[in-house]
């Protein structure tokens, strides 16, 4: 969904109650990975430039061509299971670390609080 120049994209990152900082994609390629790399924030730490020519990487997922190039990505990351339901849900922006598929969060915050003030 695109709202105000932002792509809102939900992603289940765990089936157990773990912090969003533990979020990791199952695969380093495919739509989700390409979406995060193309529309997520600029990496906090740039890759080393050894002066070697870049090898041609795989083409980006074709469905990304449907999105305007200037939209930014907002991830809605949640941990849930069939037994416990939604245990955590946060939103924010993250980059995808190439070497291990972990999300590096630039900003994240809980999306929902319960009526007693605690996080859902």
Protein backbone atom coordinates (compact mmCIF):
# COMPACT_ATOMS: atom_id res chain seq x y z
CA UNK A 1 0.00 0.00 0.00
CA UNK A 2 1.32 3.47 -0.86
CA UNK A 3 0.26 6.30 1.48
CA UNK A 4 1.70 9.79 1.14
CA UNK A 5 4.78 8.68 -0.78
CA UNK A 6 5.48 5.82 1.64
CA UNK A 7 5.18 2.11 0.87
CA UNK A 8 3.68 0.44 3.94
CA UNK A 9 4.83 -3.18 3.91
CA UNK A 10 4.06 -5.78 6.62
CA UNK A 11 6.62 -8.46 7.40
CA UNK A 12 6.38 -11.27 9.92
CA UNK A 13 9.82 -11.61 11.39
CA UNK A 14 9.28 -14.29 14.05
CA UNK A 15 6.87 -16.90 15.38
CA UNK A 16 8.01 -16.29 18.97
CA UNK A 17 8.28 -13.25 21.23
CA UNK A 18 11.64 -11.75 20.26
CA UNK A 19 12.58 -8.10 19.74
CA UNK A 20 12.33 -6.59 16.28
CA UNK A 21 16.09 -6.04 16.38
CA UNK A 22 16.40 -9.82 15.89
CA UNK A 23 14.51 -9.61 12.57
CA UNK A 24 16.16 -11.48 9.71
CA UNK A 25 14.89 -12.33 6.25
CA UNK A 26 14.78 -15.98 5.21
CA UNK A 27 16.37 -15.17 1.85
CA UNK A 28 18.78 -12.47 0.70
CA UNK A 29 17.10 -12.35 -2.72
CA UNK A 30 13.54 -11.91 -3.93
CA UNK A 31 10.84 -9.29 -3.64
CA UNK A 32 11.24 -8.43 0.07
CA UNK A 33 15.02 -8.14 -0.07
CA UNK A 34 14.90 -6.07 -3.25
CA UNK A 35 12.15 -3.82 -1.82
CA UNK A 36 14.20 -3.08 1.30
CA UNK A 37 17.39 -2.46 -0.66
CA UNK A 38 15.74 -0.21 -3.24
CA UNK A 39 13.25 1.75 -1.10
CA UNK A 40 14.67 1.46 2.42
CA UNK A 41 17.05 3.96 4.02
CA UNK A 42 20.60 4.52 2.85
CA UNK A 43 22.96 2.08 4.58
CA UNK A 44 24.53 3.44 7.77
CA UNK A 45 27.84 1.85 6.89
CA UNK A 46 28.88 1.95 3.27
CA UNK A 47 30.44 -1.12 1.67
CA UNK A 48 34.20 -1.10 1.21
CA UNK A 49 35.40 0.02 -2.21
CA UNK A 50 38.44 -2.01 -3.17
CA UNK A 51 38.63 -0.40 -6.60
CA UNK A 52 37.43 -3.56 -8.29
CA UNK A 53 34.70 -3.50 -10.87
CA UNK A 54 31.36 -4.60 -9.50
CA UNK A 55 30.11 -7.96 -10.66
CA UNK A 56 26.70 -7.79 -12.23
CA UNK A 57 24.21 -8.82 -9.58
CA UNK A 58 20.82 -10.33 -10.25
CA UNK A 59 18.12 -8.08 -11.65
CA UNK A 60 15.71 -6.57 -9.14
CA UNK A 61 12.34 -8.28 -8.77
CA UNK A 62 10.15 -7.22 -11.74
CA UNK A 63 7.22 -6.15 -9.52
CA UNK A 64 9.37 -3.33 -8.10
CA UNK A 65 9.01 -1.61 -11.48
CA UNK A 66 5.38 -0.93 -10.52
CA UNK A 67 6.50 1.40 -7.71
CA UNK A 68 7.62 4.97 -8.26
CA UNK A 69 11.37 5.26 -7.70
CA UNK A 70 11.03 8.03 -5.10
CA UNK A 71 8.75 6.23 -2.61
CA UNK A 72 10.24 5.35 0.76
CA UNK A 73 9.62 2.12 2.66
CA UNK A 74 7.98 1.82 6.07
CA UNK A 75 8.15 -1.70 7.46
CA UNK A 76 5.44 -2.97 9.79
CA UNK A 77 7.29 -5.83 11.48
CA UNK A 78 5.41 -8.27 13.68
CA UNK A 79 6.01 -11.42 15.67
CA UNK A 80 3.03 -13.76 15.82
CA UNK A 81 2.00 -17.39 16.06
CA UNK A 82 -1.22 -19.34 15.71
CA UNK A 83 -1.14 -20.18 19.43
CA UNK A 84 -0.31 -16.74 20.86
CA UNK A 85 -1.50 -14.31 18.18
CA UNK A 86 0.41 -11.07 17.70
CA UNK A 87 3.07 -10.70 20.37
CA UNK A 88 4.93 -7.67 19.03
CA UNK A 89 4.29 -5.17 16.26
CA UNK A 90 6.52 -2.23 15.40
CA UNK A 91 7.04 0.07 12.48
CA UNK A 92 10.02 1.92 11.19
CA UNK A 93 12.77 1.91 8.60
CA UNK A 94 15.52 -0.64 8.20
CA UNK A 95 18.26 -1.58 5.81
CA UNK A 96 19.12 -5.15 4.90
CA UNK A 97 22.61 -6.28 5.87
CA UNK A 98 24.01 -8.21 2.91
CA UNK A 99 26.16 -10.72 4.74
CA UNK A 100 23.59 -12.27 7.08
CA UNK A 101 20.10 -11.00 6.06
CA UNK A 102 19.53 -9.15 9.37
CA UNK A 103 17.55 -5.92 9.32
CA UNK A 104 19.46 -2.94 10.70
CA UNK A 105 16.85 -0.58 12.10
CA UNK A 106 17.41 3.13 11.61
CA UNK A 107 14.22 3.87 13.52
CA UNK A 108 11.49 1.67 15.02
CA UNK A 109 8.76 2.04 17.58
CA UNK A 110 5.81 0.03 18.86
CA UNK A 111 2.72 0.41 16.72
CA UNK A 112 0.13 -0.62 19.30
CA UNK A 113 -0.17 -0.21 23.06
CA UNK A 114 -2.73 -2.04 25.17
CA UNK A 115 -5.27 -0.15 27.28
CA UNK A 116 -3.14 -0.56 30.43
CA UNK A 117 -0.19 1.22 28.79
CA UNK A 118 1.95 -1.83 28.10
CA UNK A 119 3.07 -2.88 24.66
CA UNK A 120 1.06 -5.46 22.79
